[in-house]
Amino acid sequence: MTQTPSIDNLVGKWTYRSFISNLDLKVQFNDLEFGRGTITIKESPMGTLEGTIGGPGWSLVLSGSINYGDPYSLRFQGKGTVGTGLSGQKGSLNQAGR
């Protein structure tokens, strides 16, 4: 019998926060925030990751891969627009994690 891994527990909305790497332990935690947004992971074919990440004034389309194991590992890239109107810039994000 063949089993197909399910990503049901990954599908949905997730909070994303990015931090500045700083070795100085005296820096307050709130001063380390670089950015935040919402990741939406969609149903997608086995082994692939599709979704979006964004917040006020920016949005990126995510594409990547899922390696099934214990734990799963995700690798994705986001491409899109950061900013609005004529000042909007192309943006990208590369992320890997378990």
PDB file of N, CA and C in Angstrom:
ATOM      1  N   MET A   1       0.845  -1.166   0.000  1.00  0.00           N
ATOM      2  CA  MET A   1       0.000   0.000   0.000  1.00  0.00           C
ATOM      3  C   MET A   1       0.899   1.240   0.000  1.00  0.00           C
ATOM      4  N   THR A   2       0.607   2.179  -0.889  1.00  0.00           N
ATOM      5  CA  THR A   2       1.349   3.424  -0.976  1.00  0.00           C
ATOM      6  C   THR A   2       0.647   4.489  -0.151  1.00  0.00           C
ATOM      7  N   GLN A   3       1.430   5.220   0.619  1.00  0.00           N
ATOM      8  CA  GLN A   3       0.871   6.312   1.410  1.00  0.00           C
ATOM      9  C   GLN A   3       1.405   7.634   0.883  1.00  0.00           C
ATOM     10  N   THR A   4       0.529   8.610   0.794  1.00  0.00           N
ATOM     11  CA  THR A   4       0.918   9.953   0.368  1.00  0.00           C
ATOM     12  C   THR A   4       0.975  10.844   1.596  1.00  0.00           C
ATOM     13  N   PRO A   5       2.129  11.477   1.859  1.00  0.00           N
ATOM     14  CA  PRO A   5       2.204  12.385   3.010  1.00  0.00           C
ATOM     15  C   PRO A   5       1.197  13.521   2.875  1.00  0.00           C
ATOM     16  N   SER A   6       0.662  13.947   4.000  1.00  0.00           N
ATOM     17  CA  SER A   6      -0.311  15.036   4.019  1.00  0.00           C
ATOM     18  C   SER A   6       0.339  16.289   4.596  1.00  0.00           C
ATOM     19  N   ILE A   7       0.032  17.444   3.995  1.00  0.00           N
ATOM     20  CA  ILE A   7       0.520  18.708   4.559  1.00  0.00           C
ATOM     21  C   ILE A   7      -0.618  19.471   5.242  1.00  0.00           C
ATOM     22  N   ASP A   8      -1.698  18.753   5.583  1.00  0.00           N
ATOM     23  CA  ASP A   8      -2.844  19.409   6.213  1.00  0.00           C
ATOM     24  C   ASP A   8      -2.453  20.224   7.442  1.00  0.00           C
ATOM     25  N   ASN A   9      -1.458  19.739   8.206  1.00  0.00           N
ATOM     26  CA  ASN A   9      -1.079  20.467   9.412  1.00  0.00           C
ATOM     27  C   ASN A   9      -0.216  21.698   9.100  1.00  0.00           C
ATOM     28  N   LEU A  10       0.194  21.880   7.840  1.00  0.00           N
ATOM     29  CA  LEU A  10       0.947  23.075   7.439  1.00  0.00           C
ATOM     30  C   LEU A  10       0.076  24.101   6.724  1.00  0.00           C
ATOM     31  N   VAL A  11      -1.011  23.642   6.105  1.00  0.00           N
ATOM     32  CA  VAL A  11      -1.881  24.526   5.333  1.00  0.00           C
ATOM     33  C   VAL A  11      -2.577  25.515   6.263  1.00  0.00           C
ATOM     34  N   GLY A  12      -2.564  26.790   5.874  1.00  0.00           N
ATOM     35  CA  GLY A  12      -3.244  27.806   6.663  1.00  0.00           C
ATOM     36  C   GLY A  12      -2.397  29.052   6.801  1.00  0.00           C
ATOM     37  N   LYS A  13      -2.735  29.863   7.791  1.00  0.00           N
ATOM     38  CA  LYS A  13      -2.037  31.130   8.024  1.00  0.00           C
ATOM     39  C   LYS A  13      -1.096  30.989   9.220  1.00  0.00           C
ATOM     40  N   TRP A  14       0.107  31.562   9.058  1.00  0.00           N
ATOM     41  CA  TRP A  14       1.144  31.511  10.078  1.00  0.00           C
ATOM     42  C   TRP A  14       1.730  32.914  10.261  1.00  0.00           C
ATOM     43  N   THR A  15       2.133  33.238  11.470  1.00  0.00           N
ATOM     44  CA  THR A  15       2.818  34.497  11.741  1.00  0.00           C
ATOM     45  C   THR A  15       4.292  34.320  11.420  1.00  0.00           C
ATOM     46  N   TYR A  16       4.858  35.280  10.687  1.00  0.00           N
ATOM     47  CA  TYR A  16       6.280  35.267  10.340  1.00  0.00           C
ATOM     48  C   TYR A  16       6.939  36.475  10.977  1.00  0.00           C
ATOM     49  N   ARG A  17       8.055  36.237  11.664  1.00  0.00           N
ATOM     50  CA  ARG A  17       8.836  37.327  12.242  1.00  0.00           C
ATOM     51  C   ARG A  17      10.297  37.097  11.900  1.00  0.00           C
ATOM     52  N   SER A  18      10.953  38.159  11.546  1.00  0.00           N
ATOM     53  CA  SER A  18      12.370  38.112  11.185  1.00  0.00           C
ATOM     54  C   SER A  18      13.144  39.018  12.133  1.00  0.00           C
ATOM     55  N   PHE A  19      14.324  38.546  12.549  1.00  0.00           N
ATOM     56  CA  PHE A  19      15.096  39.281  13.535  1.00  0.00           C
ATOM     57  C   PHE A  19      16.497  39.615  13.017  1.00  0.00           C
ATOM     58  N   ILE A  20      17.039  40.702  13.523  1.00  0.00           N
ATOM     59  CA  ILE A  20      18.407  41.108  13.238  1.00  0.00           C
ATOM     60  C   ILE A  20      19.332  40.260  14.105  1.00  0.00           C
ATOM     61  N   SER A  21      20.369  39.705  13.513  1.00  0.00           N
ATOM     62  CA  SER A  21      21.348  38.921  14.258  1.00  0.00           C
ATOM     63  C   SER A  21      22.297  39.878  14.969  1.00  0.00           C
ATOM     64  N   ASN A  22      22.292  39.839  16.291  1.00  0.00           N
ATOM     65  CA  ASN A  22      23.137  40.721  17.083  1.00  0.00           C
ATOM     66  C   ASN A  22      23.622  39.929  18.296  1.00  0.00           C
ATOM     67  N   LEU A  23      24.908  39.775  18.453  1.00  0.00           N
ATOM     68  CA  LEU A  23      25.477  38.992  19.550  1.00  0.00           C
ATOM     69  C   LEU A  23      25.490  39.725  20.885  1.00  0.00           C
ATOM     70  N   ASP A  24      25.184  41.023  20.879  1.00  0.00           N
ATOM     71  CA  ASP A  24      25.195  41.833  22.100  1.00  0.00           C
ATOM     72  C   ASP A  24      23.949  41.529  22.932  1.00  0.00           C
ATOM     73  N   LEU A  25      24.120  40.835  24.053  1.00  0.00           N
ATOM     74  CA  LEU A  25      22.982  40.449  24.892  1.00  0.00           C
ATOM     75  C   LEU A  25      22.333  41.632  25.606  1.00  0.00           C
ATOM     76  N   LYS A  26      22.969  42.794  25.569  1.00  0.00           N
ATOM     77  CA  LYS A  26      22.404  43.995  26.196  1.00  0.00           C
ATOM     78  C   LYS A  26      21.322  44.639  25.329  1.00  0.00           C
ATOM     79  N   VAL A  27      21.276  44.293  24.036  1.00  0.00           N
ATOM     80  CA  VAL A  27      20.269  44.857  23.134  1.00  0.00           C
ATOM     81  C   VAL A  27      18.902  44.300  23.525  1.00  0.00           C
ATOM     82  N   GLN A  28      17.935  45.190  23.682  1.00  0.00           N
ATOM     83  CA  GLN A  28      16.584  44.779  24.052  1.00  0.00           C
ATOM     84  C   GLN A  28      15.954  43.939  22.944  1.00  0.00           C
ATOM     85  N   PHE A  29      15.187  42.938  23.338  1.00  0.00           N
ATOM     86  CA  PHE A  29      14.574  42.023  22.389  1.00  0.00           C
ATOM     87  C   PHE A  29      13.766  42.769  21.319  1.00  0.00           C
ATOM     88  N   ASN A  30      12.981  43.765  21.714  1.00  0.00           N
ATOM     89  CA  ASN A  30      12.154  44.506  20.750  1.00  0.00           C
ATOM     90  C   ASN A  30      12.984  45.275  19.728  1.00  0.00           C
ATOM     91  N   ASP A  31      14.246  45.558  20.036  1.00  0.00           N
ATOM     92  CA  ASP A  31      15.119  46.268  19.107  1.00  0.00           C
ATOM     93  C   ASP A  31      15.732  45.346  18.058  1.00  0.00           C
ATOM     94  N   LEU A  32      15.460  44.052  18.149  1.00  0.00           N
ATOM     95  CA  LEU A  32      16.021  43.081  17.207  1.00  0.00           C
ATOM     96  C   LEU A  32      15.063  42.756  16.055  1.00  0.00           C
ATOM     97  N   GLU A  33      13.846  43.264  16.104  1.00  0.00           N
ATOM     98  CA  GLU A  33      12.880  42.944  15.051  1.00  0.00           C
ATOM     99  C   GLU A  33      13.268  43.607  13.735  1.00  0.00           C
ATOM    100  N   PHE A  34      13.294  42.801  12.681  1.00  0.00           N
ATOM    101  CA  PHE A  34      13.569  43.297  11.331  1.00  0.00           C
ATOM    102  C   PHE A  34      12.277  43.446  10.547  1.00  0.00           C
ATOM    103  N   GLY A  35      11.383  42.475  10.665  1.00  0.00           N
ATOM    104  CA  GLY A  35      10.119  42.527   9.934  1.00  0.00           C
ATOM    105  C   GLY A  35       9.142  41.486  10.432  1.00  0.00           C
ATOM    106  N   ARG A  36       7.909  41.632   9.984  1.00  0.00           N
ATOM    107  CA  ARG A  36       6.862  40.664  10.336  1.00  0.00           C
ATOM    108  C   ARG A  36       5.841  40.605   9.224  1.00  0.00           C
ATOM    109  N   GLY A  37       5.113  39.515   9.169  1.00  0.00           N
ATOM    110  CA  GLY A  37       4.092  39.348   8.149  1.00  0.00           C
ATOM    111  C   GLY A  37       3.265  38.114   8.419  1.00  0.00           C
ATOM    112  N   THR A  38       2.419  37.780   7.478  1.00  0.00           N
ATOM    113  CA  THR A  38       1.601  36.576   7.561  1.00  0.00           C
ATOM    114  C   THR A  38       1.942  35.680   6.385  1.00  0.00           C
ATOM    115  N   ILE A  39       2.260  34.429   6.683  1.00  0.00           N
ATOM    116  CA  ILE A  39       2.483  33.418   5.644  1.00  0.00           C
ATOM    117  C   ILE A  39       1.195  32.630   5.483  1.00  0.00           C
ATOM    118  N   THR A  40       0.752  32.472   4.243  1.00  0.00           N
ATOM    119  CA  THR A  40      -0.383  31.608   3.940  1.00  0.00           C
ATOM    120  C   THR A  40       0.125  30.459   3.084  1.00  0.00           C
ATOM    121  N   ILE A  41       0.018  29.237   3.604  1.00  0.00           N
ATOM    122  CA  ILE A  41       0.430  28.042   2.864  1.00  0.00           C
ATOM    123  C   ILE A  41      -0.816  27.397   2.288  1.00  0.00           C
ATOM    124  N   LYS A  42      -0.772  27.123   0.972  1.00  0.00           N
ATOM    125  CA  LYS A  42      -1.908  26.553   0.254  1.00  0.00           C
ATOM    126  C   LYS A  42      -1.693  25.065   0.016  1.00  0.00           C
ATOM    127  N   GLU A  43      -2.797  24.362  -0.230  1.00  0.00           N
ATOM    128  CA  GLU A  43      -2.698  22.970  -0.694  1.00  0.00           C
ATOM    129  C   GLU A  43      -1.899  22.970  -1.983  1.00  0.00           C
ATOM    130  N   SER A  44      -0.980  22.027  -2.130  1.00  0.00           N
ATOM    131  CA  SER A  44      -0.155  21.968  -3.334  1.00  0.00           C
ATOM    132  C   SER A  44       0.253  20.524  -3.594  1.00  0.00           C
ATOM    133  N   PRO A  45       0.748  20.249  -4.803  1.00  0.00           N
ATOM    134  CA  PRO A  45       1.159  18.878  -5.125  1.00  0.00           C
ATOM    135  C   PRO A  45       2.246  18.375  -4.173  1.00  0.00           C
ATOM    136  N   MET A  46       2.316  17.058  -4.009  1.00  0.00           N
ATOM    137  CA  MET A  46       3.280  16.436  -3.107  1.00  0.00           C
ATOM    138  C   MET A  46       4.705  16.943  -3.381  1.00  0.00           C
ATOM    139  N   GLY A  47       5.386  17.320  -2.322  1.00  0.00           N
ATOM    140  CA  GLY A  47       6.766  17.753  -2.428  1.00  0.00           C
ATOM    141  C   GLY A  47       6.951  19.225  -2.739  1.00  0.00           C
ATOM    142  N   THR A  48       5.854  19.937  -2.987  1.00  0.00           N
ATOM    143  CA  THR A  48       5.972  21.356  -3.317  1.00  0.00           C
ATOM    144  C   THR A  48       5.307  22.219  -2.248  1.00  0.00           C
ATOM    145  N   LEU A  49       5.741  23.454  -2.173  1.00  0.00           N
ATOM    146  CA  LEU A  49       5.143  24.431  -1.274  1.00  0.00           C
ATOM    147  C   LEU A  49       4.707  25.622  -2.107  1.00  0.00           C
ATOM    148  N   GLU A  50       3.475  26.065  -1.900  1.00  0.00           N
ATOM    149  CA  GLU A  50       2.929  27.231  -2.586  1.00  0.00           C
ATOM    150  C   GLU A  50       2.214  28.096  -1.566  1.00  0.00           C
ATOM    151  N   GLY A  51       2.311  29.412  -1.726  1.00  0.00           N
ATOM    152  CA  GLY A  51       1.613  30.302  -0.816  1.00  0.00           C
ATOM    153  C   GLY A  51       2.010  31.743  -1.029  1.00  0.00           C
ATOM    154  N   THR A  52       1.782  32.540   0.010  1.00  0.00           N
ATOM    155  CA  THR A  52       2.119  33.958  -0.018  1.00  0.00           C
ATOM    156  C   THR A  52       2.667  34.363   1.345  1.00  0.00           C
ATOM    157  N   ILE A  53       3.400  35.466   1.356  1.00  0.00           N
ATOM    158  CA  ILE A  53       3.803  36.115   2.598  1.00  0.00           C
ATOM    159  C   ILE A  53       3.638  37.607   2.371  1.00  0.00           C
ATOM    160  N   GLY A  54       3.155  38.308   3.390  1.00  0.00           N
ATOM    161  CA  GLY A  54       2.984  39.739   3.211  1.00  0.00           C
ATOM    162  C   GLY A  54       2.529  40.428   4.468  1.00  0.00           C
ATOM    163  N   GLY A  55       2.434  41.737   4.330  1.00  0.00           N
ATOM    164  CA  GLY A  55       1.980  42.610   5.388  1.00  0.00           C
ATOM    165  C   GLY A  55       1.591  43.931   4.749  1.00  0.00           C
ATOM    166  N   PRO A  56       1.347  44.951   5.561  1.00  0.00           N
ATOM    167  CA  PRO A  56       0.983  46.255   4.999  1.00  0.00           C
ATOM    168  C   PRO A  56       2.061  46.774   4.042  1.00  0.00           C
ATOM    169  N   GLY A  57       1.705  46.981   2.770  1.00  0.00           N
ATOM    170  CA  GLY A  57       2.606  47.549   1.790  1.00  0.00           C
ATOM    171  C   GLY A  57       3.540  46.578   1.093  1.00  0.00           C
ATOM    172  N   TRP A  58       3.402  45.267   1.346  1.00  0.00           N
ATOM    173  CA  TRP A  58       4.271  44.325   0.654  1.00  0.00           C
ATOM    174  C   TRP A  58       3.609  42.954   0.558  1.00  0.00           C
ATOM    175  N   SER A  59       3.959  42.231  -0.500  1.00  0.00           N
ATOM    176  CA  SER A  59       3.423  40.893  -0.722  1.00  0.00           C
ATOM    177  C   SER A  59       4.370  40.118  -1.625  1.00  0.00           C
ATOM    178  N   LEU A  60       4.661  38.879  -1.250  1.00  0.00           N
ATOM    179  CA  LEU A  60       5.511  37.998  -2.046  1.00  0.00           C
ATOM    180  C   LEU A  60       4.786  36.684  -2.287  1.00  0.00           C
ATOM    181  N   VAL A  61       4.939  36.132  -3.485  1.00  0.00           N
ATOM    182  CA  VAL A  61       4.404  34.813  -3.817  1.00  0.00           C
ATOM    183  C   VAL A  61       5.483  33.790  -3.474  1.00  0.00           C
ATOM    184  N   LEU A  62       5.111  32.769  -2.712  1.00  0.00           N
ATOM    185  CA  LEU A  62       6.063  31.750  -2.278  1.00  0.00           C
ATOM    186  C   LEU A  62       6.003  30.516  -3.165  1.00  0.00           C
ATOM    187  N   SER A  63       7.173  29.962  -3.452  1.00  0.00           N
ATOM    188  CA  SER A  63       7.259  28.654  -4.117  1.00  0.00           C
ATOM    189  C   SER A  63       8.459  27.942  -3.528  1.00  0.00           C
ATOM    190  N   GLY A  64       8.350  26.632  -3.405  1.00  0.00           N
ATOM    191  CA  GLY A  64       9.450  25.887  -2.813  1.00  0.00           C
ATOM    192  C   GLY A  64       9.161  24.416  -2.713  1.00  0.00           C
ATOM    193  N   SER A  65       9.839  23.777  -1.762  1.00  0.00           N
ATOM    194  CA  SER A  65       9.722  22.328  -1.633  1.00  0.00           C
ATOM    195  C   SER A  65       9.538  21.929  -0.174  1.00  0.00           C
ATOM    196  N   ILE A  66       8.973  20.742   0.004  1.00  0.00           N
ATOM    197  CA  ILE A  66       8.793  20.134   1.318  1.00  0.00           C
ATOM    198  C   ILE A  66       9.458  18.764   1.268  1.00  0.00           C
ATOM    199  N   ASN A  67      10.325  18.502   2.242  1.00  0.00           N
ATOM    200  CA  ASN A  67      10.898  17.164   2.395  1.00  0.00           C
ATOM    201  C   ASN A  67      10.204  16.514   3.580  1.00  0.00           C
ATOM    202  N   TYR A  68       9.591  15.367   3.322  1.00  0.00           N
ATOM    203  CA  TYR A  68       8.810  14.697   4.357  1.00  0.00           C
ATOM    204  C   TYR A  68       9.732  13.876   5.236  1.00  0.00           C
ATOM    205  N   GLY A  69       9.607  14.021   6.505  1.00  0.00           N
ATOM    206  CA  GLY A  69      10.408  13.289   7.472  1.00  0.00           C
ATOM    207  C   GLY A  69       9.936  13.678   8.854  1.00  0.00           C
ATOM    208  N   ASP A  70      10.734  13.416   9.826  1.00  0.00           N
ATOM    209  CA  ASP A  70      10.382  13.775  11.182  1.00  0.00           C
ATOM    210  C   ASP A  70      11.534  14.550  11.785  1.00  0.00           C
ATOM    211  N   PRO A  71      11.512  15.882  11.692  1.00  0.00           N
ATOM    212  CA  PRO A  71      10.419  16.749  11.247  1.00  0.00           C
ATOM    213  C   PRO A  71      10.476  17.019   9.746  1.00  0.00           C
ATOM    214  N   TYR A  72       9.385  17.587   9.210  1.00  0.00           N
ATOM    215  CA  TYR A  72       9.388  18.071   7.834  1.00  0.00           C
ATOM    216  C   TYR A  72      10.461  19.147   7.700  1.00  0.00           C
ATOM    217  N   SER A  73      10.995  19.324   6.504  1.00  0.00           N
ATOM    218  CA  SER A  73      11.838  20.488   6.249  1.00  0.00           C
ATOM    219  C   SER A  73      11.264  21.238   5.056  1.00  0.00           C
ATOM    220  N   LEU A  74      11.275  22.549   5.159  1.00  0.00           N
ATOM    221  CA  LEU A  74      10.712  23.423   4.135  1.00  0.00           C
ATOM    222  C   LEU A  74      11.805  24.295   3.562  1.00  0.00           C
ATOM    223  N   ARG A  75      11.749  24.546   2.271  1.00  0.00           N
ATOM    224  CA  ARG A  75      12.644  25.499   1.617  1.00  0.00           C
ATOM    225  C   ARG A  75      11.785  26.256   0.623  1.00  0.00           C
ATOM    226  N   PHE A  76      11.800  27.594   0.737  1.00  0.00           N
ATOM    227  CA  PHE A  76      10.981  28.372  -0.181  1.00  0.00           C
ATOM    228  C   PHE A  76      11.625  29.696  -0.517  1.00  0.00           C
ATOM    229  N   GLN A  77      11.134  30.270  -1.610  1.00  0.00           N
ATOM    230  CA  GLN A  77      11.578  31.577  -2.077  1.00  0.00           C
ATOM    231  C   GLN A  77      10.335  32.404  -2.342  1.00  0.00           C
ATOM    232  N   GLY A  78      10.394  33.685  -2.007  1.00  0.00           N
ATOM    233  CA  GLY A  78       9.292  34.597  -2.268  1.00  0.00           C
ATOM    234  C   GLY A  78       9.716  35.674  -3.240  1.00  0.00           C
ATOM    235  N   LYS A  79       8.828  35.999  -4.173  1.00  0.00           N
ATOM    236  CA  LYS A  79       9.083  37.076  -5.135  1.00  0.00           C
ATOM    237  C   LYS A  79       7.838  37.922  -5.261  1.00  0.00           C
ATOM    238  N   GLY A  80       8.031  39.245  -5.357  1.00  0.00           N
ATOM    239  CA  GLY A  80       6.889  40.129  -5.500  1.00  0.00           C
ATOM    240  C   GLY A  80       7.287  41.573  -5.358  1.00  0.00           C
ATOM    241  N   THR A  81       6.347  42.389  -4.843  1.00  0.00           N
ATOM    242  CA  THR A  81       6.534  43.829  -4.749  1.00  0.00           C
ATOM    243  C   THR A  81       6.556  44.260  -3.288  1.00  0.00           C
ATOM    244  N   VAL A  82       7.533  45.113  -2.962  1.00  0.00           N
ATOM    245  CA  VAL A  82       7.634  45.702  -1.637  1.00  0.00           C
ATOM    246  C   VAL A  82       7.401  47.193  -1.812  1.00  0.00           C
ATOM    247  N   GLY A  83       6.370  47.715  -1.185  1.00  0.00           N
ATOM    248  CA  GLY A  83       6.006  49.126  -1.367  1.00  0.00           C
ATOM    249  C   GLY A  83       4.835  49.231  -2.320  1.00  0.00           C
ATOM    250  N   THR A  84       4.306  50.432  -2.448  1.00  0.00           N
ATOM    251  CA  THR A  84       3.132  50.633  -3.295  1.00  0.00           C
ATOM    252  C   THR A  84       3.399  51.739  -4.308  1.00  0.00           C
ATOM    253  N   GLY A  85       2.582  51.781  -5.334  1.00  0.00           N
ATOM    254  CA  GLY A  85       2.665  52.836  -6.342  1.00  0.00           C
ATOM    255  C   GLY A  85       3.977  52.794  -7.109  1.00  0.00           C
ATOM    256  N   LEU A  86       4.411  53.959  -7.580  1.00  0.00           N
ATOM    257  CA  LEU A  86       5.636  54.054  -8.362  1.00  0.00           C
ATOM    258  C   LEU A  86       6.881  53.767  -7.530  1.00  0.00           C
ATOM    259  N   SER A  87       6.769  53.875  -6.206  1.00  0.00           N
ATOM    260  CA  SER A  87       7.924  53.634  -5.352  1.00  0.00           C
ATOM    261  C   SER A  87       8.100  52.156  -5.019  1.00  0.00           C
ATOM    262  N   GLY A  88       7.168  51.300  -5.459  1.00  0.00           N
ATOM    263  CA  GLY A  88       7.256  49.874  -5.167  1.00  0.00           C
ATOM    264  C   GLY A  88       8.511  49.258  -5.764  1.00  0.00           C
ATOM    265  N   GLN A  89       9.168  48.432  -4.981  1.00  0.00           N
ATOM    266  CA  GLN A  89      10.401  47.769  -5.407  1.00  0.00           C
ATOM    267  C   GLN A  89      10.161  46.270  -5.497  1.00  0.00           C
ATOM    268  N   LYS A  90      10.876  45.616  -6.431  1.00  0.00           N
ATOM    269  CA  LYS A  90      10.833  44.167  -6.478  1.00  0.00           C
ATOM    270  C   LYS A  90      11.518  43.629  -5.236  1.00  0.00           C
ATOM    271  N   GLY A  91      10.946  42.607  -4.638  1.00  0.00           N
ATOM    272  CA  GLY A  91      11.537  42.042  -3.416  1.00  0.00           C
ATOM    273  C   GLY A  91      11.674  40.540  -3.538  1.00  0.00           C
ATOM    274  N   SER A  92      12.538  39.978  -2.715  1.00  0.00           N
ATOM    275  CA  SER A  92      12.694  38.530  -2.687  1.00  0.00           C
ATOM    276  C   SER A  92      13.049  38.086  -1.282  1.00  0.00           C
ATOM    277  N   LEU A  93      12.787  36.813  -0.989  1.00  0.00           N
ATOM    278  CA  LEU A  93      13.047  36.201   0.300  1.00  0.00           C
ATOM    279  C   LEU A  93      13.463  34.774   0.049  1.00  0.00           C
ATOM    280  N   ASN A  94      14.505  34.317   0.683  1.00  0.00           N
ATOM    281  CA  ASN A  94      14.905  32.915   0.637  1.00  0.00           C
ATOM    282  C   ASN A  94      14.908  32.391   2.056  1.00  0.00           C
ATOM    283  N   GLN A  95      14.275  31.249   2.283  1.00  0.00           N
ATOM    284  CA  GLN A  95      14.128  30.739   3.640  1.00  0.00           C
ATOM    285  C   GLN A  95      14.231  29.218   3.646  1.00  0.00           C
ATOM    286  N   ALA A  96      14.863  28.682   4.644  1.00  0.00           N
ATOM    287  CA  ALA A  96      14.921  27.236   4.845  1.00  0.00           C
ATOM    288  C   ALA A  96      14.712  26.980   6.318  1.00  0.00           C
ATOM    289  N   GLY A  97      14.066  25.892   6.665  1.00  0.00           N
ATOM    290  CA  GLY A  97      13.862  25.594   8.079  1.00  0.00           C
ATOM    291  C   GLY A  97      13.228  24.246   8.299  1.00  0.00           C
ATOM    292  N   ARG A  98      13.204  23.882   9.547  1.00  0.00           N
ATOM    293  CA  ARG A  98      12.569  22.622   9.984  1.00  0.00           C
ATOM    294  C   ARG A  98      11.517  22.924  11.010  1.00  0.00           C
TER     295      ARG A  98
END
